[in-house]
Amino acid sequence: MAALPASQFALVATVGTSFRSILIYALSATVALIVVHWLARAAAPRAQRADRQPWTAWERLVYAGVLSAVGVLAASAFGAIGKGETMSGWPLMLHMVGAGVFTVALPALAVTWSAVHLRANRVANGARFSLLARAMFWALLLSGLAVMGTMLVSMLPWLGTHELEEMLDAHRFAGLAVVIVLLLHAYAVLTGRRR
């Protein structure tokens, strides 16, 4: 296999720097959007709404597993990226543990919650989950599949160095999408349950 030209190595190095900026802007924009919506919602008059069906213990456990796994994955990966370092040592070990939990918890979430996110699941005059929560659920499954798929393909002996670096970049962006979508889903679910 031929060596990559120096210009391609420089491109790979700048992708990390631009991703760091994108990470900061994307997470800031997501948090700002949540805060603005929460403030606007708090100022609006509250409509009476029927009680929603409570979550089962299994639904809570699966959702907590996904939230925990994504929290560990985000902290270990974005912490290293924020410092401009590569992930190694304990942060890498934590990332691998979080990835294992995520790989089990995401399919469990899909099986457990897909039926109620597929239809409105009308419960006594109200949907169990809002339109935003349902949309973010499906986006979470798709971005989760992308984040797992990029690393799975990277483990196969088909790709060269440059392709592996491209897969790592795709993994970073898919991981950022998972974090943003899960933040929006958790916000929609929690605010939908506390009216």
C-alpha atoms as a PDB file:
ATOM      1  CA  MET A   1       0.000   0.000   0.000  1.00  0.00           C
ATOM      2  CA  ALA A   2       1.402   3.391  -0.981  1.00  0.00           C
ATOM      3  CA  ALA A   3       2.116   6.015   1.657  1.00  0.00           C
ATOM      4  CA  LEU A   4      -0.307   8.908   1.916  1.00  0.00           C
ATOM      5  CA  PRO A   5       0.949  12.325   0.823  1.00  0.00           C
ATOM      6  CA  ALA A   6       1.709  14.839   3.577  1.00  0.00           C
ATOM      7  CA  SER A   7      -1.234  17.005   2.454  1.00  0.00           C
ATOM      8  CA  GLN A   8      -3.695  14.236   3.371  1.00  0.00           C
ATOM      9  CA  PHE A   9      -2.138  13.899   6.830  1.00  0.00           C
ATOM     10  CA  ALA A  10      -2.576  17.655   7.334  1.00  0.00           C
ATOM     11  CA  LEU A  11      -6.243  17.320   6.341  1.00  0.00           C
ATOM     12  CA  VAL A  12      -6.775  14.566   8.900  1.00  0.00           C
ATOM     13  CA  ALA A  13      -5.138  16.704  11.599  1.00  0.00           C
ATOM     14  CA  THR A  14      -7.399  19.680  10.849  1.00  0.00           C
ATOM     15  CA  VAL A  15     -10.547  17.543  10.935  1.00  0.00           C
ATOM     16  CA  GLY A  16      -9.994  17.015  14.668  1.00  0.00           C
ATOM     17  CA  THR A  17      -9.696  20.766  15.222  1.00  0.00           C
ATOM     18  CA  SER A  18     -12.819  21.537  13.206  1.00  0.00           C
ATOM     19  CA  PHE A  19     -14.723  18.757  14.959  1.00  0.00           C
ATOM     20  CA  ARG A  20     -13.836  20.302  18.303  1.00  0.00           C
ATOM     21  CA  SER A  21     -15.409  23.581  17.148  1.00  0.00           C
ATOM     22  CA  ILE A  22     -18.445  21.799  15.729  1.00  0.00           C
ATOM     23  CA  LEU A  23     -18.801  19.869  18.992  1.00  0.00           C
ATOM     24  CA  ILE A  24     -18.821  23.035  21.078  1.00  0.00           C
ATOM     25  CA  TYR A  25     -21.242  24.876  18.773  1.00  0.00           C
ATOM     26  CA  ALA A  26     -23.599  21.928  18.325  1.00  0.00           C
ATOM     27  CA  LEU A  27     -23.863  21.117  22.020  1.00  0.00           C
ATOM     28  CA  SER A  28     -24.216  24.808  22.919  1.00  0.00           C
ATOM     29  CA  ALA A  29     -26.955  25.269  20.332  1.00  0.00           C
ATOM     30  CA  THR A  30     -28.788  22.176  21.594  1.00  0.00           C
ATOM     31  CA  VAL A  31     -28.671  23.334  25.206  1.00  0.00           C
ATOM     32  CA  ALA A  32     -29.737  26.854  24.169  1.00  0.00           C
ATOM     33  CA  LEU A  33     -32.657  25.439  22.177  1.00  0.00           C
ATOM     34  CA  ILE A  34     -33.765  23.371  25.160  1.00  0.00           C
ATOM     35  CA  VAL A  35     -33.518  26.359  27.523  1.00  0.00           C
ATOM     36  CA  VAL A  36     -35.422  28.683  25.162  1.00  0.00           C
ATOM     37  CA  HIS A  37     -38.153  26.112  24.631  1.00  0.00           C
ATOM     38  CA  TRP A  38     -38.394  25.428  28.364  1.00  0.00           C
ATOM     39  CA  LEU A  39     -38.680  29.153  29.142  1.00  0.00           C
ATOM     40  CA  ALA A  40     -41.319  29.670  26.432  1.00  0.00           C
ATOM     41  CA  ARG A  41     -43.205  26.655  27.668  1.00  0.00           C
ATOM     42  CA  ALA A  42     -43.059  27.858  31.269  1.00  0.00           C
ATOM     43  CA  ALA A  43     -44.533  31.224  30.240  1.00  0.00           C
ATOM     44  CA  ALA A  44     -47.381  29.657  28.243  1.00  0.00           C
ATOM     45  CA  PRO A  45     -50.669  28.824  29.952  1.00  0.00           C
ATOM     46  CA  ARG A  46     -50.909  25.177  30.918  1.00  0.00           C
ATOM     47  CA  ALA A  47     -53.624  23.070  29.408  1.00  0.00           C
ATOM     48  CA  GLN A  48     -55.259  20.338  31.417  1.00  0.00           C
ATOM     49  CA  ARG A  49     -54.120  16.946  30.298  1.00  0.00           C
ATOM     50  CA  ALA A  50     -55.035  13.444  31.331  1.00  0.00           C
ATOM     51  CA  ASP A  51     -52.557  11.315  33.228  1.00  0.00           C
ATOM     52  CA  ARG A  52     -50.161   9.351  31.113  1.00  0.00           C
ATOM     53  CA  GLN A  53     -49.502   5.677  31.395  1.00  0.00           C
ATOM     54  CA  PRO A  54     -46.609   5.132  33.837  1.00  0.00           C
ATOM     55  CA  TRP A  55     -43.409   3.508  32.677  1.00  0.00           C
ATOM     56  CA  THR A  56     -42.758  -0.062  33.663  1.00  0.00           C
ATOM     57  CA  ALA A  57     -39.654  -0.949  35.657  1.00  0.00           C
ATOM     58  CA  TRP A  58     -38.158  -2.544  32.530  1.00  0.00           C
ATOM     59  CA  GLU A  59     -38.734   0.615  30.448  1.00  0.00           C
ATOM     60  CA  ARG A  60     -37.026   2.691  33.132  1.00  0.00           C
ATOM     61  CA  LEU A  61     -34.093   0.284  33.364  1.00  0.00           C
ATOM     62  CA  VAL A  62     -33.525   0.201  29.612  1.00  0.00           C
ATOM     63  CA  TYR A  63     -33.746   3.986  29.278  1.00  0.00           C
ATOM     64  CA  ALA A  64     -31.398   4.458  32.240  1.00  0.00           C
ATOM     65  CA  GLY A  65     -28.969   2.040  30.580  1.00  0.00           C
ATOM     66  CA  VAL A  66     -28.961   4.035  27.352  1.00  0.00           C
ATOM     67  CA  LEU A  67     -28.628   7.364  29.197  1.00  0.00           C
ATOM     68  CA  SER A  68     -25.774   6.011  31.331  1.00  0.00           C
ATOM     69  CA  ALA A  69     -23.944   4.460  28.403  1.00  0.00           C
ATOM     70  CA  VAL A  70     -24.198   7.590  26.270  1.00  0.00           C
ATOM     71  CA  GLY A  71     -23.115   9.717  29.238  1.00  0.00           C
ATOM     72  CA  VAL A  72     -19.978   7.609  29.738  1.00  0.00           C
ATOM     73  CA  LEU A  73     -19.266   7.544  25.995  1.00  0.00           C
ATOM     74  CA  ALA A  74     -19.708  11.296  25.622  1.00  0.00           C
ATOM     75  CA  ALA A  75     -17.629  12.152  28.690  1.00  0.00           C
ATOM     76  CA  SER A  76     -14.750   9.871  27.703  1.00  0.00           C
ATOM     77  CA  ALA A  77     -14.672  10.856  24.031  1.00  0.00           C
ATOM     78  CA  PHE A  78     -15.577  14.529  24.144  1.00  0.00           C
ATOM     79  CA  GLY A  79     -13.342  15.099  27.156  1.00  0.00           C
ATOM     80  CA  ALA A  80     -10.294  13.953  25.205  1.00  0.00           C
ATOM     81  CA  ILE A  81     -11.393  15.839  22.090  1.00  0.00           C
ATOM     82  CA  GLY A  82     -12.002  19.006  24.109  1.00  0.00           C
ATOM     83  CA  LYS A  83      -8.454  18.845  25.475  1.00  0.00           C
ATOM     84  CA  GLY A  84      -7.045  18.191  22.016  1.00  0.00           C
ATOM     85  CA  GLU A  85      -5.720  14.778  23.062  1.00  0.00           C
ATOM     86  CA  THR A  86      -6.170  11.275  21.765  1.00  0.00           C
ATOM     87  CA  MET A  87      -8.241   8.901  23.818  1.00  0.00           C
ATOM     88  CA  SER A  88      -6.023   6.448  25.698  1.00  0.00           C
ATOM     89  CA  GLY A  89      -5.639   4.830  29.110  1.00  0.00           C
ATOM     90  CA  TRP A  90      -8.632   4.925  31.461  1.00  0.00           C
ATOM     91  CA  PRO A  91     -10.811   7.149  29.268  1.00  0.00           C
ATOM     92  CA  LEU A  92     -10.420   4.594  26.467  1.00  0.00           C
ATOM     93  CA  MET A  93     -11.264   1.735  28.843  1.00  0.00           C
ATOM     94  CA  LEU A  94     -14.370   3.612  30.055  1.00  0.00           C
ATOM     95  CA  HIS A  95     -15.318   4.259  26.438  1.00  0.00           C
ATOM     96  CA  MET A  96     -15.083   0.546  25.650  1.00  0.00           C
ATOM     97  CA  VAL A  97     -17.227  -0.367  28.678  1.00  0.00           C
ATOM     98  CA  GLY A  98     -19.793   2.275  27.705  1.00  0.00           C
ATOM     99  CA  ALA A  99     -19.765   0.956  24.137  1.00  0.00           C
ATOM    100  CA  GLY A 100     -20.531  -2.548  25.365  1.00  0.00           C
ATOM    101  CA  VAL A 101     -23.452  -1.312  27.444  1.00  0.00           C
ATOM    102  CA  PHE A 102     -24.695   0.851  24.548  1.00  0.00           C
ATOM    103  CA  THR A 103     -24.473  -2.090  22.129  1.00  0.00           C
ATOM    104  CA  VAL A 104     -26.790  -4.100  24.390  1.00  0.00           C
ATOM    105  CA  ALA A 105     -29.025  -1.260  25.622  1.00  0.00           C
ATOM    106  CA  LEU A 106     -29.849   0.309  22.238  1.00  0.00           C
ATOM    107  CA  PRO A 107     -31.427  -2.847  20.743  1.00  0.00           C
ATOM    108  CA  ALA A 108     -33.237  -3.402  24.051  1.00  0.00           C
ATOM    109  CA  LEU A 109     -34.562   0.162  23.805  1.00  0.00           C
ATOM    110  CA  ALA A 110     -35.647  -0.471  20.218  1.00  0.00           C
ATOM    111  CA  VAL A 111     -37.552  -3.608  21.170  1.00  0.00           C
ATOM    112  CA  THR A 112     -39.043  -2.123  24.336  1.00  0.00           C
ATOM    113  CA  TRP A 113     -40.063   1.315  23.098  1.00  0.00           C
ATOM    114  CA  SER A 114     -40.581   1.040  19.331  1.00  0.00           C
ATOM    115  CA  ALA A 115     -44.262   0.109  19.529  1.00  0.00           C
ATOM    116  CA  VAL A 116     -45.199   3.169  21.591  1.00  0.00           C
ATOM    117  CA  HIS A 117     -43.079   5.449  19.424  1.00  0.00           C
ATOM    118  CA  LEU A 118     -44.471   4.006  16.197  1.00  0.00           C
ATOM    119  CA  ARG A 119     -48.041   5.000  16.895  1.00  0.00           C
ATOM    120  CA  ALA A 120     -49.376   7.753  19.090  1.00  0.00           C
ATOM    121  CA  ASN A 121     -50.405   5.110  21.668  1.00  0.00           C
ATOM    122  CA  ARG A 122     -53.406   7.077  22.826  1.00  0.00           C
ATOM    123  CA  VAL A 123     -53.910   6.864  26.551  1.00  0.00           C
ATOM    124  CA  ALA A 124     -56.990   8.632  27.942  1.00  0.00           C
ATOM    125  CA  ASN A 125     -57.057  11.752  25.679  1.00  0.00           C
ATOM    126  CA  GLY A 126     -53.287  12.133  25.241  1.00  0.00           C
ATOM    127  CA  ALA A 127     -50.368  10.551  23.442  1.00  0.00           C
ATOM    128  CA  ARG A 128     -47.864   8.795  25.661  1.00  0.00           C
ATOM    129  CA  PHE A 129     -44.985  10.530  23.875  1.00  0.00           C
ATOM    130  CA  SER A 130     -44.930  13.827  22.010  1.00  0.00           C
ATOM    131  CA  LEU A 131     -44.134  14.141  18.331  1.00  0.00           C
ATOM    132  CA  LEU A 132     -40.652  15.454  19.216  1.00  0.00           C
ATOM    133  CA  ALA A 133     -40.000  12.468  21.497  1.00  0.00           C
ATOM    134  CA  ARG A 134     -41.125  10.017  18.822  1.00  0.00           C
ATOM    135  CA  ALA A 135     -39.025  11.685  16.111  1.00  0.00           C
ATOM    136  CA  MET A 136     -35.948  11.796  18.344  1.00  0.00           C
ATOM    137  CA  PHE A 137     -36.434   8.137  19.292  1.00  0.00           C
ATOM    138  CA  TRP A 138     -36.174   7.056  15.655  1.00  0.00           C
ATOM    139  CA  ALA A 139     -33.270   9.450  15.055  1.00  0.00           C
ATOM    140  CA  LEU A 140     -31.542   7.919  18.108  1.00  0.00           C
ATOM    141  CA  LEU A 141     -31.897   4.424  16.682  1.00  0.00           C
ATOM    142  CA  LEU A 142     -30.542   5.497  13.286  1.00  0.00           C
ATOM    143  CA  SER A 143     -27.614   7.493  14.668  1.00  0.00           C
ATOM    144  CA  GLY A 144     -26.884   4.704  17.165  1.00  0.00           C
ATOM    145  CA  LEU A 145     -26.763   2.222  14.319  1.00  0.00           C
ATOM    146  CA  ALA A 146     -24.370   4.544  12.470  1.00  0.00           C
ATOM    147  CA  VAL A 147     -22.092   4.955  15.490  1.00  0.00           C
ATOM    148  CA  MET A 148     -21.929   1.186  16.055  1.00  0.00           C
ATOM    149  CA  GLY A 149     -21.598   0.417  12.348  1.00  0.00           C
ATOM    150  CA  THR A 150     -18.636   2.711  11.814  1.00  0.00           C
ATOM    151  CA  MET A 151     -16.615   0.951  14.516  1.00  0.00           C
ATOM    152  CA  LEU A 152     -17.751  -2.503  13.418  1.00  0.00           C
ATOM    153  CA  VAL A 153     -16.596  -1.856   9.853  1.00  0.00           C
ATOM    154  CA  SER A 154     -13.346  -0.384  11.201  1.00  0.00           C
ATOM    155  CA  MET A 155     -12.590  -3.699  12.935  1.00  0.00           C
ATOM    156  CA  LEU A 156     -12.692  -5.598   9.667  1.00  0.00           C
ATOM    157  CA  PRO A 157      -9.441  -5.924   7.681  1.00  0.00           C
ATOM    158  CA  TRP A 158     -10.810  -4.242   4.561  1.00  0.00           C
ATOM    159  CA  LEU A 159      -9.777  -0.637   5.112  1.00  0.00           C
ATOM    160  CA  GLY A 160      -6.467   1.138   4.806  1.00  0.00           C
ATOM    161  CA  THR A 161      -5.131   3.860   7.076  1.00  0.00           C
ATOM    162  CA  HIS A 162      -6.878   6.737   5.322  1.00  0.00           C
ATOM    163  CA  GLU A 163     -10.219   4.907   5.223  1.00  0.00           C
ATOM    164  CA  LEU A 164      -9.904   4.074   8.935  1.00  0.00           C
ATOM    165  CA  GLU A 165      -9.348   7.756   9.711  1.00  0.00           C
ATOM    166  CA  GLU A 166     -12.437   8.614   7.657  1.00  0.00           C
ATOM    167  CA  MET A 167     -14.415   6.005   9.613  1.00  0.00           C
ATOM    168  CA  LEU A 168     -13.177   7.560  12.864  1.00  0.00           C
ATOM    169  CA  ASP A 169     -14.436  10.957  11.687  1.00  0.00           C
ATOM    170  CA  ALA A 170     -17.789   9.427  10.718  1.00  0.00           C
ATOM    171  CA  HIS A 171     -17.889   7.763  14.164  1.00  0.00           C
ATOM    172  CA  ARG A 172     -17.274  11.119  15.855  1.00  0.00           C
ATOM    173  CA  PHE A 173     -20.091  12.850  13.982  1.00  0.00           C
ATOM    174  CA  ALA A 174     -22.466   9.928  14.511  1.00  0.00           C
ATOM    175  CA  GLY A 175     -21.591   9.983  18.222  1.00  0.00           C
ATOM    176  CA  LEU A 176     -22.304  13.712  18.378  1.00  0.00           C
ATOM    177  CA  ALA A 177     -25.647  13.048  16.677  1.00  0.00           C
ATOM    178  CA  VAL A 178     -26.462  10.374  19.287  1.00  0.00           C
ATOM    179  CA  VAL A 179     -25.710  12.786  22.140  1.00  0.00           C
ATOM    180  CA  ILE A 180     -27.760  15.648  20.652  1.00  0.00           C
ATOM    181  CA  VAL A 181     -30.702  13.428  19.742  1.00  0.00           C
ATOM    182  CA  LEU A 182     -30.707  11.766  23.167  1.00  0.00           C
ATOM    183  CA  LEU A 183     -30.610  15.152  24.904  1.00  0.00           C
ATOM    184  CA  LEU A 184     -33.626  16.271  22.867  1.00  0.00           C
ATOM    185  CA  HIS A 185     -35.421  12.967  23.444  1.00  0.00           C
ATOM    186  CA  ALA A 186     -34.832  13.053  27.200  1.00  0.00           C
ATOM    187  CA  TYR A 187     -36.018  16.661  27.326  1.00  0.00           C
ATOM    188  CA  ALA A 188     -39.165  15.857  25.323  1.00  0.00           C
ATOM    189  CA  VAL A 189     -39.929  12.788  27.425  1.00  0.00           C
ATOM    190  CA  LEU A 190     -39.331  14.493  30.782  1.00  0.00           C
ATOM    191  CA  THR A 191     -41.231  17.684  29.963  1.00  0.00           C
ATOM    192  CA  GLY A 192     -44.049  15.666  28.438  1.00  0.00           C
ATOM    193  CA  ARG A 193     -44.442  13.742  31.676  1.00  0.00           C
ATOM    194  CA  ARG A 194     -44.319  16.772  34.014  1.00  0.00           C
ATOM    195  CA  ARG A 195     -47.219  18.974  33.092  1.00  0.00           C
END
